[in-house]
Amino acid sequence: LALPTAMNQGQEYPNWLELPPELTSSILNRLGVMEILESAQKVCRSWRRICKEPLTWSKIDMRNVGHMGGSSHELEKICRHAVERSQGGLVEIEIWHFATHDLLNYIADRKENIHLIVDYVSVMLSVMLMKLLGSSKLRSLKLAMCYLIENEGLIEVIAKLPLLEVLEVSYCSLSGEPLEPIVPSSCPNQMTLGNNCDDVALAIAESMPGLTRLQLFGNRLTNFGLNAILDRCPNLEYLDLRQCINVDIVGDMERRCYERIKVLRRPNDPVDDYPYGVSDVDEMSEEYYDNYSAASDYSDTGEDLVSRCFG
């Protein structure tokens, strides 16, 4: 095995510990949550300190964490700790399998801590700043195979994320039950729901005008909901509707999509690039859900996992 050129020439590599903390944080937040907690923060005191900085947790990646052996409850607790460390600076989060309504609301409700000195002149200005700076900064939410997520809970979260630019919801088994719409206070007009399969699509249209990327893999929306999204999301550039069997992209709808959308994935497009093939998802969903549900209470292994990460 040949040694690197620098070592062959007797040169020393740069010391990673001498990097500016901001740069180290930027590098570390490209890792998954468990990689940071189980490995990076245990390298040295300097890295441990950086791993507790909010900047490191502006992006949270919790894909494929089931191999850690924890139950859904334990993984949710780890996710909440990670969100706490962001101190309101969370920008991107991706969760597979274990997301719940409570967890998503916790994420959406986390706001940056603001300390303002208020006097009789600046009361109104302070209130305005608190409303502006205290809102969630989340710009990217990705959920996959989270079978406990239902329409009502997702709509409630969507209404709290006005800055969201990227939304991906894949194989979350959203229900088709009729629901009362939950509309953010900033929307002057009440939503009118048509087909109840479109309620999530209509909530997206009402609440997320800045959306640039949308994936509704396997969703039940119809052309009615799709039209609402196209009407209200003028910045949308990427739209993935694979496995959305109720959408019919033909005629005027096809023309409209191709005029507006730079990258369009149609309902029948191949799914080879999806993390799991469709058949794999169908095959594993019940087993994965059953495994997490059966381990919902803390076990010795789960307690060890949480304490190991945050002890």
Foldseek 3Di string as FASTA:
>chain_A
DDDDPCVVVVHDDDDPLPDPLLVVLVVQLVDALCCLLQPQLPPDVSSVVSSLALSSLLEHEAPPPVVLPAFLQLVLVSVLVSLVSNQLNHAYYEHEARDALVSLVSNQQRFHDDDDDDDPVCPVVVVVVCVVRGAHNYAEYAYELHQNDEDVSLLVSLQRCQNHAYYAYANNCYDQDADQHDHHPVQPDGDDDDRSLLRNLLSCLRRYQNHAEYHDHLGQHAVVSVVSNVVRNQNHAYYAHANNVRYDCDDPNVVSCVVRYNHYHDNPHAPVVPPDHPVVCVVCSVVSNVVNVVNNDDDPSSVCSNVSRVD
